[in-house]
Amino acid sequence: MAGVEQILVDKDEQGMRLDRWFKVHYPGLGFGHLQKLLRSGQIRVDGGRVKADTRLEPGQSIRVPPLEIDRKGDGPLTANTIRNQGDADVLAQMLLYEDPKVFVFNKPAGLAVQGGSGVVRHVDSMLEAWRNKKGEKPRLVHRLDRDTSGVLVVARTRHAAMKLAEAFRARETKKTYWSLVKGVPRKREDKISTWLVKEQTPDGDRMRVARHGEEGSDHAVSFYRVVDNAGQALAWLEMEPYTGRTHQLRVHAAHIGHPIIGDPKYFEADTNWEFPGGLQNRLHLHARRIVIPHPDRGVVDVTAPLPPHMKQSWNLLGFDEATAGELAD
């Protein structure tokens, strides 16, 4: 058991409720016990008394008194914790932002968003654990590939789902991804515009670049910017999909000759290329930030921290997250 701690709220915890914060960092602390600590003033934020539903801001200091439990939840979700924790607990640990209309989660790599062949557990089924008092289940409004990590927006009401879906269809949403790719693009910043068509393969659906007008094809547009590079071997790209086609960024990265590291479908290296030592052979694609009109007012703007395997790669390559700006509109 530790003494009194002063813990700073991380920038990625902006907007999180205080009780959710404790659920993530101290999952063994019961709600009743938390309420007693709040009522007695033993838990404070920036020295002041607070309530369980207080919204946190980056840089605030949370006073945590001695607890009869160890601090947990600092580490990211792993496949093992996802298997062994209940749905409600996993969702709480994934939560980045919430308000009465919207949840935003940081989806771990390897967790499917919806069911499919061989998928036992996925976000859509897990949301059953967070039905509200009216019996409404939170609704998905977009998807991420199973092996892509990062920001996932979920609507809490039917009206919110309709408004958020409209924002995606009208392309009023800005999505920024971070990726690590083979080689360094000649152009430091560019637009990629192709037609894509879906094909059935023994390994599942696969997208390929198609001819303009080819039956079943859809136009796909992406933007990228080179943020940093490790010599000529690897580059950190900031990518923004203007359209939202299946596997779009993965196909476009491969199309320009710089496939995403760890991509099992679209990475085709020549025989002389060796996988860099110290990097995990997992998809290095992360939905870093989303900016979307709020169903009622203003915008929702949320950033997700890198997953463990990409954080490890960034550290090995000496990439500094603070150097990345967002793509220009």
C-alpha atoms as a PDB file:
ATOM      1  CA  MET A   1       0.000   0.000   0.000  1.00  0.00           C
ATOM      2  CA  ALA A   2       1.422   3.379  -1.021  1.00  0.00           C
ATOM      3  CA  GLY A   3       1.178   6.721   0.826  1.00  0.00           C
ATOM      4  CA  VAL A   4      -0.660   9.788  -0.460  1.00  0.00           C
ATOM      5  CA  GLU A   5      -0.044  10.277  -4.187  1.00  0.00           C
ATOM      6  CA  GLN A   6      -0.506  13.292  -6.426  1.00  0.00           C
ATOM      7  CA  ILE A   7      -1.182  11.954  -9.938  1.00  0.00           C
ATOM      8  CA  LEU A   8      -1.352  14.255 -12.961  1.00  0.00           C
ATOM      9  CA  VAL A   9      -4.149  13.814 -15.467  1.00  0.00           C
ATOM     10  CA  ASP A  10      -2.744  12.778 -18.831  1.00  0.00           C
ATOM     11  CA  LYS A  11      -3.580  14.734 -21.981  1.00  0.00           C
ATOM     12  CA  ASP A  12      -5.361  11.673 -23.369  1.00  0.00           C
ATOM     13  CA  GLU A  13      -7.716  11.660 -20.356  1.00  0.00           C
ATOM     14  CA  GLN A  14      -9.307  15.020 -21.150  1.00  0.00           C
ATOM     15  CA  GLY A  15     -13.026  15.001 -20.475  1.00  0.00           C
ATOM     16  CA  MET A  16     -12.948  11.698 -18.567  1.00  0.00           C
ATOM     17  CA  ARG A  17     -15.201  11.496 -15.522  1.00  0.00           C
ATOM     18  CA  LEU A  18     -13.402  11.113 -12.205  1.00  0.00           C
ATOM     19  CA  ASP A  19     -15.147   7.822 -11.377  1.00  0.00           C
ATOM     20  CA  ARG A  20     -14.124   6.444 -14.805  1.00  0.00           C
ATOM     21  CA  TRP A  21     -10.562   7.554 -14.123  1.00  0.00           C
ATOM     22  CA  PHE A  22     -10.497   5.566 -10.898  1.00  0.00           C
ATOM     23  CA  LYS A  23     -12.099   2.576 -12.660  1.00  0.00           C
ATOM     24  CA  VAL A  24      -9.175   2.574 -15.108  1.00  0.00           C
ATOM     25  CA  HIS A  25      -6.351   3.253 -12.653  1.00  0.00           C
ATOM     26  CA  TYR A  26      -7.737   1.457  -9.573  1.00  0.00           C
ATOM     27  CA  PRO A  27     -10.167  -1.203 -10.845  1.00  0.00           C
ATOM     28  CA  GLY A  28     -10.221  -2.835  -7.388  1.00  0.00           C
ATOM     29  CA  LEU A  29     -11.700   0.299  -5.758  1.00  0.00           C
ATOM     30  CA  GLY A  30     -15.444  -0.106  -5.301  1.00  0.00           C
ATOM     31  CA  PHE A  31     -17.816   2.744  -6.131  1.00  0.00           C
ATOM     32  CA  GLY A  32     -19.118   2.940  -2.562  1.00  0.00           C
ATOM     33  CA  HIS A  33     -15.605   3.274  -1.181  1.00  0.00           C
ATOM     34  CA  LEU A  34     -14.824   5.929  -3.801  1.00  0.00           C
ATOM     35  CA  GLN A  35     -17.898   7.925  -2.761  1.00  0.00           C
ATOM     36  CA  LYS A  36     -16.841   7.856   0.895  1.00  0.00           C
ATOM     37  CA  LEU A  37     -13.370   9.114   0.001  1.00  0.00           C
ATOM     38  CA  LEU A  38     -14.894  11.916  -2.059  1.00  0.00           C
ATOM     39  CA  ARG A  39     -17.381  12.935   0.654  1.00  0.00           C
ATOM     40  CA  SER A  40     -14.626  13.058   3.276  1.00  0.00           C
ATOM     41  CA  GLY A  41     -12.370  15.121   1.015  1.00  0.00           C
ATOM     42  CA  GLN A  42      -9.607  12.509   0.923  1.00  0.00           C
ATOM     43  CA  ILE A  43      -9.734  12.554  -2.871  1.00  0.00           C
ATOM     44  CA  ARG A  44      -9.272  16.033  -4.332  1.00  0.00           C
ATOM     45  CA  VAL A  45      -8.508  17.579  -7.712  1.00  0.00           C
ATOM     46  CA  ASP A  46      -6.122  20.532  -7.697  1.00  0.00           C
ATOM     47  CA  GLY A  47      -6.688  20.738  -3.950  1.00  0.00           C
ATOM     48  CA  GLY A  48     -10.455  21.141  -4.188  1.00  0.00           C
ATOM     49  CA  ARG A  49     -13.324  18.845  -3.292  1.00  0.00           C
ATOM     50  CA  VAL A  50     -14.978  17.141  -6.252  1.00  0.00           C
ATOM     51  CA  LYS A  51     -17.760  14.735  -7.153  1.00  0.00           C
ATOM     52  CA  ALA A  52     -17.689  11.410  -8.997  1.00  0.00           C
ATOM     53  CA  ASP A  53     -18.985  12.991 -12.219  1.00  0.00           C
ATOM     54  CA  THR A  54     -16.363  15.763 -12.292  1.00  0.00           C
ATOM     55  CA  ARG A  55     -14.775  16.071 -15.749  1.00  0.00           C
ATOM     56  CA  LEU A  56     -10.983  16.043 -15.762  1.00  0.00           C
ATOM     57  CA  GLU A  57      -8.580  18.279 -17.665  1.00  0.00           C
ATOM     58  CA  PRO A  58      -4.963  17.504 -18.654  1.00  0.00           C
ATOM     59  CA  GLY A  59      -2.423  18.603 -16.069  1.00  0.00           C
ATOM     60  CA  GLN A  60      -4.811  18.552 -13.115  1.00  0.00           C
ATOM     61  CA  SER A  61      -3.466  16.893  -9.976  1.00  0.00           C
ATOM     62  CA  ILE A  62      -5.534  14.140  -8.366  1.00  0.00           C
ATOM     63  CA  ARG A  63      -4.881  13.520  -4.680  1.00  0.00           C
ATOM     64  CA  VAL A  64      -5.115   9.782  -4.012  1.00  0.00           C
ATOM     65  CA  PRO A  65      -5.001   8.740  -0.327  1.00  0.00           C
ATOM     66  CA  PRO A  66      -3.497   5.439   0.839  1.00  0.00           C
ATOM     67  CA  LEU A  67      -5.657   2.620  -0.511  1.00  0.00           C
ATOM     68  CA  GLU A  68      -5.765  -1.025   0.452  1.00  0.00           C
ATOM     69  CA  ILE A  69      -5.239  -1.940  -3.197  1.00  0.00           C
ATOM     70  CA  ASP A  70      -2.391  -1.578  -5.657  1.00  0.00           C
ATOM     71  CA  ARG A  71      -2.593   0.912  -8.453  1.00  0.00           C
ATOM     72  CA  LYS A  72      -3.468  -0.795 -11.725  1.00  0.00           C
ATOM     73  CA  GLY A  73      -4.666   0.149 -15.164  1.00  0.00           C
ATOM     74  CA  ASP A  74      -1.628   2.248 -16.108  1.00  0.00           C
ATOM     75  CA  GLY A  75      -0.588  -0.260 -18.728  1.00  0.00           C
ATOM     76  CA  PRO A  76      -2.483  -0.633 -22.005  1.00  0.00           C
ATOM     77  CA  LEU A  77      -4.937  -3.394 -22.685  1.00  0.00           C
ATOM     78  CA  THR A  78      -3.429  -6.647 -23.877  1.00  0.00           C
ATOM     79  CA  ALA A  79      -5.029  -9.682 -25.493  1.00  0.00           C
ATOM     80  CA  ASN A  80      -4.781 -11.449 -22.142  1.00  0.00           C
ATOM     81  CA  THR A  81      -6.546  -8.711 -20.157  1.00  0.00           C
ATOM     82  CA  ILE A  82      -9.263  -8.451 -22.799  1.00  0.00           C
ATOM     83  CA  ARG A  83      -9.895 -12.200 -22.490  1.00  0.00           C
ATOM     84  CA  ASN A  84      -9.959 -12.190 -18.706  1.00  0.00           C
ATOM     85  CA  GLN A  85     -11.860  -8.978 -17.932  1.00  0.00           C
ATOM     86  CA  GLY A  86     -15.597  -8.431 -18.173  1.00  0.00           C
ATOM     87  CA  ASP A  87     -16.978  -6.415 -21.075  1.00  0.00           C
ATOM     88  CA  ALA A  88     -17.877  -3.412 -18.908  1.00  0.00           C
ATOM     89  CA  ASP A  89     -14.364  -3.287 -17.418  1.00  0.00           C
ATOM     90  CA  VAL A  90     -12.667  -3.505 -20.818  1.00  0.00           C
ATOM     91  CA  LEU A  91     -14.870  -0.718 -22.179  1.00  0.00           C
ATOM     92  CA  ALA A  92     -14.082   1.439 -19.147  1.00  0.00           C
ATOM     93  CA  GLN A  93     -10.369   0.940 -19.688  1.00  0.00           C
ATOM     94  CA  MET A  94     -10.735   1.800 -23.393  1.00  0.00           C
ATOM     95  CA  LEU A  95     -12.747   4.963 -22.734  1.00  0.00           C
ATOM     96  CA  LEU A  96     -11.110   8.242 -23.771  1.00  0.00           C
ATOM     97  CA  TYR A  97     -14.105  10.579 -23.732  1.00  0.00           C
ATOM     98  CA  GLU A  98     -17.775  10.560 -22.878  1.00  0.00           C
ATOM     99  CA  ASP A  99     -20.731  12.920 -22.654  1.00  0.00           C
ATOM    100  CA  PRO A 100     -24.489  12.248 -22.661  1.00  0.00           C
ATOM    101  CA  LYS A 101     -24.481  11.580 -26.427  1.00  0.00           C
ATOM    102  CA  VAL A 102     -21.050  10.189 -27.335  1.00  0.00           C
ATOM    103  CA  PHE A 103     -18.422   7.687 -26.241  1.00  0.00           C
ATOM    104  CA  VAL A 104     -14.941   7.671 -27.777  1.00  0.00           C
ATOM    105  CA  PHE A 105     -12.804   4.584 -27.184  1.00  0.00           C
ATOM    106  CA  ASN A 106      -9.170   3.728 -27.822  1.00  0.00           C
ATOM    107  CA  LYS A 107      -9.602   0.377 -29.549  1.00  0.00           C
ATOM    108  CA  PRO A 108      -6.669  -1.988 -29.014  1.00  0.00           C
ATOM    109  CA  ALA A 109      -5.038  -3.660 -31.994  1.00  0.00           C
ATOM    110  CA  GLY A 110      -6.397  -7.180 -32.414  1.00  0.00           C
ATOM    111  CA  LEU A 111      -9.916  -6.469 -31.109  1.00  0.00           C
ATOM    112  CA  ALA A 112     -12.568  -6.629 -33.831  1.00  0.00           C
ATOM    113  CA  VAL A 113     -15.212  -3.906 -34.028  1.00  0.00           C
ATOM    114  CA  GLN A 114     -17.937  -6.230 -35.332  1.00  0.00           C
ATOM    115  CA  GLY A 115     -18.479  -9.963 -35.600  1.00  0.00           C
ATOM    116  CA  GLY A 116     -17.351 -12.110 -38.484  1.00  0.00           C
ATOM    117  CA  SER A 117     -15.849 -15.459 -39.338  1.00  0.00           C
ATOM    118  CA  GLY A 118     -13.903 -16.757 -36.348  1.00  0.00           C
ATOM    119  CA  VAL A 119     -14.595 -13.622 -34.253  1.00  0.00           C
ATOM    120  CA  VAL A 120     -15.749 -14.521 -30.749  1.00  0.00           C
ATOM    121  CA  ARG A 121     -15.540 -11.164 -28.978  1.00  0.00           C
ATOM    122  CA  HIS A 122     -15.912  -7.733 -30.524  1.00  0.00           C
ATOM    123  CA  VAL A 123     -16.765  -4.166 -29.549  1.00  0.00           C
ATOM    124  CA  ASP A 124     -20.345  -4.312 -30.852  1.00  0.00           C
ATOM    125  CA  SER A 125     -21.217  -7.258 -28.606  1.00  0.00           C
ATOM    126  CA  MET A 126     -19.341  -5.750 -25.648  1.00  0.00           C
ATOM    127  CA  LEU A 127     -21.514  -2.622 -25.844  1.00  0.00           C
ATOM    128  CA  GLU A 128     -24.422  -4.732 -24.553  1.00  0.00           C
ATOM    129  CA  ALA A 129     -22.830  -4.272 -21.116  1.00  0.00           C
ATOM    130  CA  TRP A 130     -23.398  -0.506 -21.332  1.00  0.00           C
ATOM    131  CA  ARG A 131     -27.119  -0.384 -22.133  1.00  0.00           C
ATOM    132  CA  ASN A 132     -28.678   2.652 -20.455  1.00  0.00           C
ATOM    133  CA  LYS A 133     -31.670   2.719 -18.105  1.00  0.00           C
ATOM    134  CA  LYS A 134     -34.007   2.890 -21.089  1.00  0.00           C
ATOM    135  CA  GLY A 135     -32.457  -0.281 -22.470  1.00  0.00           C
ATOM    136  CA  GLU A 136     -30.691   1.504 -25.336  1.00  0.00           C
ATOM    137  CA  LYS A 137     -27.447  -0.082 -26.466  1.00  0.00           C
ATOM    138  CA  PRO A 138     -24.679   2.283 -27.671  1.00  0.00           C
ATOM    139  CA  ARG A 139     -24.394   2.224 -31.454  1.00  0.00           C
ATOM    140  CA  LEU A 140     -21.381   1.960 -33.732  1.00  0.00           C
ATOM    141  CA  VAL A 141     -21.175   4.727 -36.335  1.00  0.00           C
ATOM    142  CA  HIS A 142     -17.922   3.733 -38.097  1.00  0.00           C
ATOM    143  CA  ARG A 143     -15.347   0.938 -38.065  1.00  0.00           C
ATOM    144  CA  LEU A 144     -11.651   0.243 -37.715  1.00  0.00           C
ATOM    145  CA  ASP A 145      -9.858  -2.806 -39.081  1.00  0.00           C
ATOM    146  CA  ARG A 146      -9.279  -5.475 -36.463  1.00  0.00           C
ATOM    147  CA  ASP A 147      -5.505  -4.895 -36.384  1.00  0.00           C
ATOM    148  CA  THR A 148      -5.782  -1.100 -36.503  1.00  0.00           C
ATOM    149  CA  SER A 149      -5.792   0.607 -33.118  1.00  0.00           C
ATOM    150  CA  GLY A 150      -7.101   3.978 -32.063  1.00  0.00           C
ATOM    151  CA  VAL A 151     -10.091   6.284 -31.807  1.00  0.00           C
ATOM    152  CA  LEU A 152     -13.520   4.709 -32.253  1.00  0.00           C
ATOM    153  CA  VAL A 153     -16.653   6.865 -31.918  1.00  0.00           C
ATOM    154  CA  VAL A 154     -19.834   5.311 -30.541  1.00  0.00           C
ATOM    155  CA  ALA A 155     -23.248   6.973 -30.241  1.00  0.00           C
ATOM    156  CA  ARG A 156     -25.161   6.684 -26.973  1.00  0.00           C
ATOM    157  CA  THR A 157     -28.613   7.420 -28.437  1.00  0.00           C
ATOM    158  CA  ARG A 158     -30.510   6.834 -31.666  1.00  0.00           C
ATOM    159  CA  HIS A 159     -30.519  10.559 -32.484  1.00  0.00           C
ATOM    160  CA  ALA A 160     -26.771  10.849 -31.862  1.00  0.00           C
ATOM    161  CA  ALA A 161     -26.133   7.844 -34.117  1.00  0.00           C
ATOM    162  CA  MET A 162     -28.109   9.476 -36.916  1.00  0.00           C
ATOM    163  CA  LYS A 163     -26.265  12.806 -36.611  1.00  0.00           C
ATOM    164  CA  LEU A 164     -22.815  11.201 -36.366  1.00  0.00           C
ATOM    165  CA  ALA A 165     -23.509   8.916 -39.336  1.00  0.00           C
ATOM    166  CA  GLU A 166     -24.558  11.974 -41.347  1.00  0.00           C
ATOM    167  CA  ALA A 167     -21.269  13.678 -40.465  1.00  0.00           C
ATOM    168  CA  PHE A 168     -19.311  10.675 -41.769  1.00  0.00           C
ATOM    169  CA  ARG A 169     -21.363  10.523 -44.983  1.00  0.00           C
ATOM    170  CA  ALA A 170     -20.981  14.271 -45.563  1.00  0.00           C
ATOM    171  CA  ARG A 171     -17.205  13.984 -44.932  1.00  0.00           C
ATOM    172  CA  GLU A 172     -17.394  16.540 -42.148  1.00  0.00           C
ATOM    173  CA  THR A 173     -15.170  14.340 -40.038  1.00  0.00           C
ATOM    174  CA  LYS A 174     -11.386  14.674 -39.950  1.00  0.00           C
ATOM    175  CA  LYS A 175      -9.536  11.441 -39.161  1.00  0.00           C
ATOM    176  CA  THR A 176      -5.781  11.413 -38.696  1.00  0.00           C
ATOM    177  CA  TYR A 177      -3.778   8.192 -38.683  1.00  0.00           C
ATOM    178  CA  TRP A 178      -0.149   7.465 -37.846  1.00  0.00           C
ATOM    179  CA  SER A 179       1.694   4.723 -39.693  1.00  0.00           C
ATOM    180  CA  LEU A 180       5.190   3.322 -40.072  1.00  0.00           C
ATOM    181  CA  VAL A 181       6.047   2.402 -43.647  1.00  0.00           C
ATOM    182  CA  LYS A 182       8.858   0.774 -45.597  1.00  0.00           C
ATOM    183  CA  GLY A 183      11.179   3.312 -47.187  1.00  0.00           C
ATOM    184  CA  VAL A 184      10.676   7.073 -47.479  1.00  0.00           C
ATOM    185  CA  PRO A 185       8.315   8.605 -50.058  1.00  0.00           C
ATOM    186  CA  ARG A 186      10.043  10.931 -52.527  1.00  0.00           C
ATOM    187  CA  LYS A 187       7.360  13.560 -51.981  1.00  0.00           C
ATOM    188  CA  ARG A 188       7.210  14.655 -48.356  1.00  0.00           C
ATOM    189  CA  GLU A 189       3.516  15.463 -48.717  1.00  0.00           C
ATOM    190  CA  ASP A 190       1.057  14.292 -51.356  1.00  0.00           C
ATOM    191  CA  LYS A 191      -2.429  13.213 -52.359  1.00  0.00           C
ATOM    192  CA  ILE A 192      -3.203   9.634 -53.425  1.00  0.00           C
ATOM    193  CA  SER A 193      -6.218   9.165 -55.701  1.00  0.00           C
ATOM    194  CA  THR A 194      -7.217   5.752 -57.084  1.00  0.00           C
ATOM    195  CA  TRP A 195     -10.162   3.490 -57.707  1.00  0.00           C
ATOM    196  CA  LEU A 196     -10.486   0.447 -55.466  1.00  0.00           C
ATOM    197  CA  VAL A 197     -12.363  -2.798 -55.938  1.00  0.00           C
ATOM    198  CA  LYS A 198     -12.944  -5.655 -53.504  1.00  0.00           C
ATOM    199  CA  GLU A 199     -11.861  -9.179 -54.408  1.00  0.00           C
ATOM    200  CA  GLN A 200     -12.554 -12.497 -52.723  1.00  0.00           C
ATOM    201  CA  THR A 201      -9.377 -14.457 -51.913  1.00  0.00           C
ATOM    202  CA  PRO A 202      -8.652 -17.628 -49.897  1.00  0.00           C
ATOM    203  CA  ASP A 203      -7.424 -15.315 -47.116  1.00  0.00           C
ATOM    204  CA  GLY A 204     -10.581 -13.213 -47.083  1.00  0.00           C
ATOM    205  CA  ASP A 205     -11.557  -9.943 -48.735  1.00  0.00           C
ATOM    206  CA  ARG A 206      -8.763  -7.957 -50.311  1.00  0.00           C
ATOM    207  CA  MET A 207      -8.837  -4.567 -52.037  1.00  0.00           C
ATOM    208  CA  ARG A 208      -6.903  -3.780 -55.193  1.00  0.00           C
ATOM    209  CA  VAL A 209      -6.333  -0.678 -57.262  1.00  0.00           C
ATOM    210  CA  ALA A 210      -8.735  -0.719 -60.210  1.00  0.00           C
ATOM    211  CA  ARG A 211      -9.166   1.107 -63.499  1.00  0.00           C
ATOM    212  CA  HIS A 212     -11.433   4.120 -63.625  1.00  0.00           C
ATOM    213  CA  GLY A 213     -14.945   2.862 -64.328  1.00  0.00           C
ATOM    214  CA  GLU A 214     -14.203  -0.780 -63.559  1.00  0.00           C
ATOM    215  CA  GLU A 215     -17.329  -2.569 -62.364  1.00  0.00           C
ATOM    216  CA  GLY A 216     -17.730  -2.511 -58.581  1.00  0.00           C
ATOM    217  CA  SER A 217     -14.935   0.001 -58.035  1.00  0.00           C
ATOM    218  CA  ASP A 218     -15.103   3.086 -55.799  1.00  0.00           C
ATOM    219  CA  HIS A 219     -13.033   6.241 -55.861  1.00  0.00           C
ATOM    220  CA  ALA A 220     -10.623   6.582 -52.911  1.00  0.00           C
ATOM    221  CA  VAL A 221      -8.635   9.663 -51.890  1.00  0.00           C
ATOM    222  CA  SER A 222      -6.010   9.892 -49.138  1.00  0.00           C
ATOM    223  CA  PHE A 223      -3.460  12.481 -48.055  1.00  0.00           C
ATOM    224  CA  TYR A 224      -0.146  11.831 -46.343  1.00  0.00           C
ATOM    225  CA  ARG A 225       2.763  13.737 -44.856  1.00  0.00           C
ATOM    226  CA  VAL A 226       6.188  12.442 -43.832  1.00  0.00           C
ATOM    227  CA  VAL A 227       6.661  13.403 -40.172  1.00  0.00           C
ATOM    228  CA  ASP A 228      10.061  11.764 -39.633  1.00  0.00           C
ATOM    229  CA  ASN A 229      12.207   8.976 -41.006  1.00  0.00           C
ATOM    230  CA  ALA A 230      14.883   6.531 -39.915  1.00  0.00           C
ATOM    231  CA  GLY A 231      17.423   6.893 -42.704  1.00  0.00           C
ATOM    232  CA  GLN A 232      15.953   5.570 -45.930  1.00  0.00           C
ATOM    233  CA  ALA A 233      14.626   2.385 -44.323  1.00  0.00           C
ATOM    234  CA  LEU A 234      11.475   3.547 -42.554  1.00  0.00           C
ATOM    235  CA  ALA A 235       9.188   6.577 -42.440  1.00  0.00           C
ATOM    236  CA  TRP A 236       6.560   7.837 -40.047  1.00  0.00           C
ATOM    237  CA  LEU A 237       3.568   9.006 -42.053  1.00  0.00           C
ATOM    238  CA  GLU A 238       0.627  11.044 -40.897  1.00  0.00           C
ATOM    239  CA  MET A 239      -2.276  10.001 -43.105  1.00  0.00           C
ATOM    240  CA  GLU A 240      -5.753  11.356 -43.639  1.00  0.00           C
ATOM    241  CA  PRO A 241      -8.431   9.441 -45.559  1.00  0.00           C
ATOM    242  CA  TYR A 242     -10.804  11.770 -47.393  1.00  0.00           C
ATOM    243  CA  THR A 243     -13.001   8.844 -48.409  1.00  0.00           C
ATOM    244  CA  GLY A 244     -13.630   5.816 -46.216  1.00  0.00           C
ATOM    245  CA  ARG A 245     -13.067   2.678 -48.289  1.00  0.00           C
ATOM    246  CA  THR A 246     -12.152  -0.708 -46.827  1.00  0.00           C
ATOM    247  CA  HIS A 247      -8.390  -0.959 -46.123  1.00  0.00           C
ATOM    248  CA  GLN A 248      -7.958   2.355 -47.948  1.00  0.00           C
ATOM    249  CA  LEU A 249      -4.822   3.640 -46.212  1.00  0.00           C
ATOM    250  CA  ARG A 250      -3.182   0.217 -46.295  1.00  0.00           C
ATOM    251  CA  VAL A 251      -3.780  -0.175 -50.042  1.00  0.00           C
ATOM    252  CA  HIS A 252      -2.713   3.389 -50.805  1.00  0.00           C
ATOM    253  CA  ALA A 253       0.514   3.051 -48.830  1.00  0.00           C
ATOM    254  CA  ALA A 254       1.367  -0.099 -50.793  1.00  0.00           C
ATOM    255  CA  HIS A 255       0.302   1.560 -54.050  1.00  0.00           C
ATOM    256  CA  ILE A 256       2.938   4.314 -53.708  1.00  0.00           C
ATOM    257  CA  GLY A 257       5.586   1.685 -52.948  1.00  0.00           C
ATOM    258  CA  HIS A 258       5.705   2.186 -49.172  1.00  0.00           C
ATOM    259  CA  PRO A 259       3.583  -0.517 -47.523  1.00  0.00           C
ATOM    260  CA  ILE A 260       2.765  -0.305 -43.829  1.00  0.00           C
ATOM    261  CA  ILE A 261       5.045  -2.327 -41.577  1.00  0.00           C
ATOM    262  CA  GLY A 262       3.427  -5.521 -40.300  1.00  0.00           C
ATOM    263  CA  ASP A 263       0.543  -5.485 -42.791  1.00  0.00           C
ATOM    264  CA  PRO A 264      -0.227  -9.156 -43.524  1.00  0.00           C
ATOM    265  CA  LYS A 265      -2.350  -8.396 -46.617  1.00  0.00           C
ATOM    266  CA  TYR A 266      -0.577  -5.637 -48.498  1.00  0.00           C
ATOM    267  CA  PHE A 267       3.089  -5.725 -47.493  1.00  0.00           C
ATOM    268  CA  GLU A 268       5.117  -7.333 -50.263  1.00  0.00           C
ATOM    269  CA  ALA A 269       8.833  -6.737 -49.695  1.00  0.00           C
ATOM    270  CA  ASP A 270      11.573  -7.630 -52.143  1.00  0.00           C
ATOM    271  CA  THR A 271      13.918 -10.517 -51.318  1.00  0.00           C
ATOM    272  CA  ASN A 272      16.706  -8.170 -50.184  1.00  0.00           C
ATOM    273  CA  TRP A 273      14.585  -6.437 -47.560  1.00  0.00           C
ATOM    274  CA  GLU A 274      14.916  -7.559 -43.952  1.00  0.00           C
ATOM    275  CA  PHE A 275      12.414  -6.814 -41.218  1.00  0.00           C
ATOM    276  CA  PRO A 276      14.031  -4.299 -38.843  1.00  0.00           C
ATOM    277  CA  GLY A 277      15.321  -5.815 -35.628  1.00  0.00           C
ATOM    278  CA  GLY A 278      13.529  -4.847 -32.430  1.00  0.00           C
ATOM    279  CA  LEU A 279      10.213  -4.077 -34.142  1.00  0.00           C
ATOM    280  CA  GLN A 280       7.187  -6.304 -33.693  1.00  0.00           C
ATOM    281  CA  ASN A 281       5.758  -7.749 -36.904  1.00  0.00           C
ATOM    282  CA  ARG A 282       2.310  -6.258 -36.267  1.00  0.00           C
ATOM    283  CA  LEU A 283       0.322  -3.708 -38.246  1.00  0.00           C
ATOM    284  CA  HIS A 284       1.746  -0.245 -37.573  1.00  0.00           C
ATOM    285  CA  LEU A 285      -1.418   1.747 -38.293  1.00  0.00           C
ATOM    286  CA  HIS A 286      -3.107   3.807 -35.571  1.00  0.00           C
ATOM    287  CA  ALA A 287      -6.176   6.045 -35.694  1.00  0.00           C
ATOM    288  CA  ARG A 288      -4.526   8.889 -33.812  1.00  0.00           C
ATOM    289  CA  ARG A 289      -7.167  11.621 -33.773  1.00  0.00           C
ATOM    290  CA  ILE A 290     -10.754  12.308 -34.760  1.00  0.00           C
ATOM    291  CA  VAL A 291     -12.549  15.652 -35.047  1.00  0.00           C
ATOM    292  CA  ILE A 292     -16.284  15.284 -35.647  1.00  0.00           C
ATOM    293  CA  PRO A 293     -19.286  17.592 -35.212  1.00  0.00           C
ATOM    294  CA  HIS A 294     -21.044  16.872 -31.934  1.00  0.00           C
ATOM    295  CA  PRO A 295     -24.691  15.739 -32.340  1.00  0.00           C
ATOM    296  CA  ASP A 296     -25.834  18.758 -30.309  1.00  0.00           C
ATOM    297  CA  ARG A 297     -23.121  21.409 -30.288  1.00  0.00           C
ATOM    298  CA  GLY A 298     -19.522  22.142 -31.145  1.00  0.00           C
ATOM    299  CA  VAL A 299     -17.143  19.340 -32.016  1.00  0.00           C
ATOM    300  CA  VAL A 300     -15.680  16.223 -30.443  1.00  0.00           C
ATOM    301  CA  ASP A 301     -11.877  16.272 -30.758  1.00  0.00           C
ATOM    302  CA  VAL A 302     -10.116  13.246 -29.253  1.00  0.00           C
ATOM    303  CA  THR A 303      -6.574  11.877 -29.535  1.00  0.00           C
ATOM    304  CA  ALA A 304      -5.561   8.292 -28.713  1.00  0.00           C
ATOM    305  CA  PRO A 305      -2.134   7.246 -27.388  1.00  0.00           C
ATOM    306  CA  LEU A 306      -0.047   4.833 -29.451  1.00  0.00           C
ATOM    307  CA  PRO A 307      -0.524   1.096 -28.874  1.00  0.00           C
ATOM    308  CA  PRO A 308       2.344  -0.738 -27.119  1.00  0.00           C
ATOM    309  CA  HIS A 309       3.956  -2.212 -30.251  1.00  0.00           C
ATOM    310  CA  MET A 310       4.031   1.169 -32.015  1.00  0.00           C
ATOM    311  CA  LYS A 311       5.215   2.961 -28.888  1.00  0.00           C
ATOM    312  CA  GLN A 312       8.093   0.475 -28.762  1.00  0.00           C
ATOM    313  CA  SER A 313       8.934   1.154 -32.412  1.00  0.00           C
ATOM    314  CA  TRP A 314       8.808   4.933 -31.928  1.00  0.00           C
ATOM    315  CA  ASN A 315      11.181   4.638 -28.964  1.00  0.00           C
ATOM    316  CA  LEU A 316      13.590   2.382 -30.868  1.00  0.00           C
ATOM    317  CA  LEU A 317      13.639   4.708 -33.872  1.00  0.00           C
ATOM    318  CA  GLY A 318      13.950   7.874 -31.802  1.00  0.00           C
ATOM    319  CA  PHE A 319      10.697   9.386 -33.055  1.00  0.00           C
ATOM    320  CA  ASP A 320       9.291  12.174 -30.869  1.00  0.00           C
ATOM    321  CA  GLU A 321       5.493  12.284 -30.796  1.00  0.00           C
ATOM    322  CA  ALA A 322       5.573  15.996 -30.011  1.00  0.00           C
ATOM    323  CA  THR A 323       6.994  16.793 -33.465  1.00  0.00           C
ATOM    324  CA  ALA A 324       3.824  15.789 -35.301  1.00  0.00           C
ATOM    325  CA  GLY A 325       1.357  18.448 -36.357  1.00  0.00           C
ATOM    326  CA  GLU A 326      -1.955  17.626 -37.969  1.00  0.00           C
ATOM    327  CA  LEU A 327      -2.503  17.549 -41.725  1.00  0.00           C
ATOM    328  CA  ALA A 328      -3.705  20.857 -43.118  1.00  0.00           C
ATOM    329  CA  ASP A 329      -7.321  21.002 -44.172  1.00  0.00           C
END
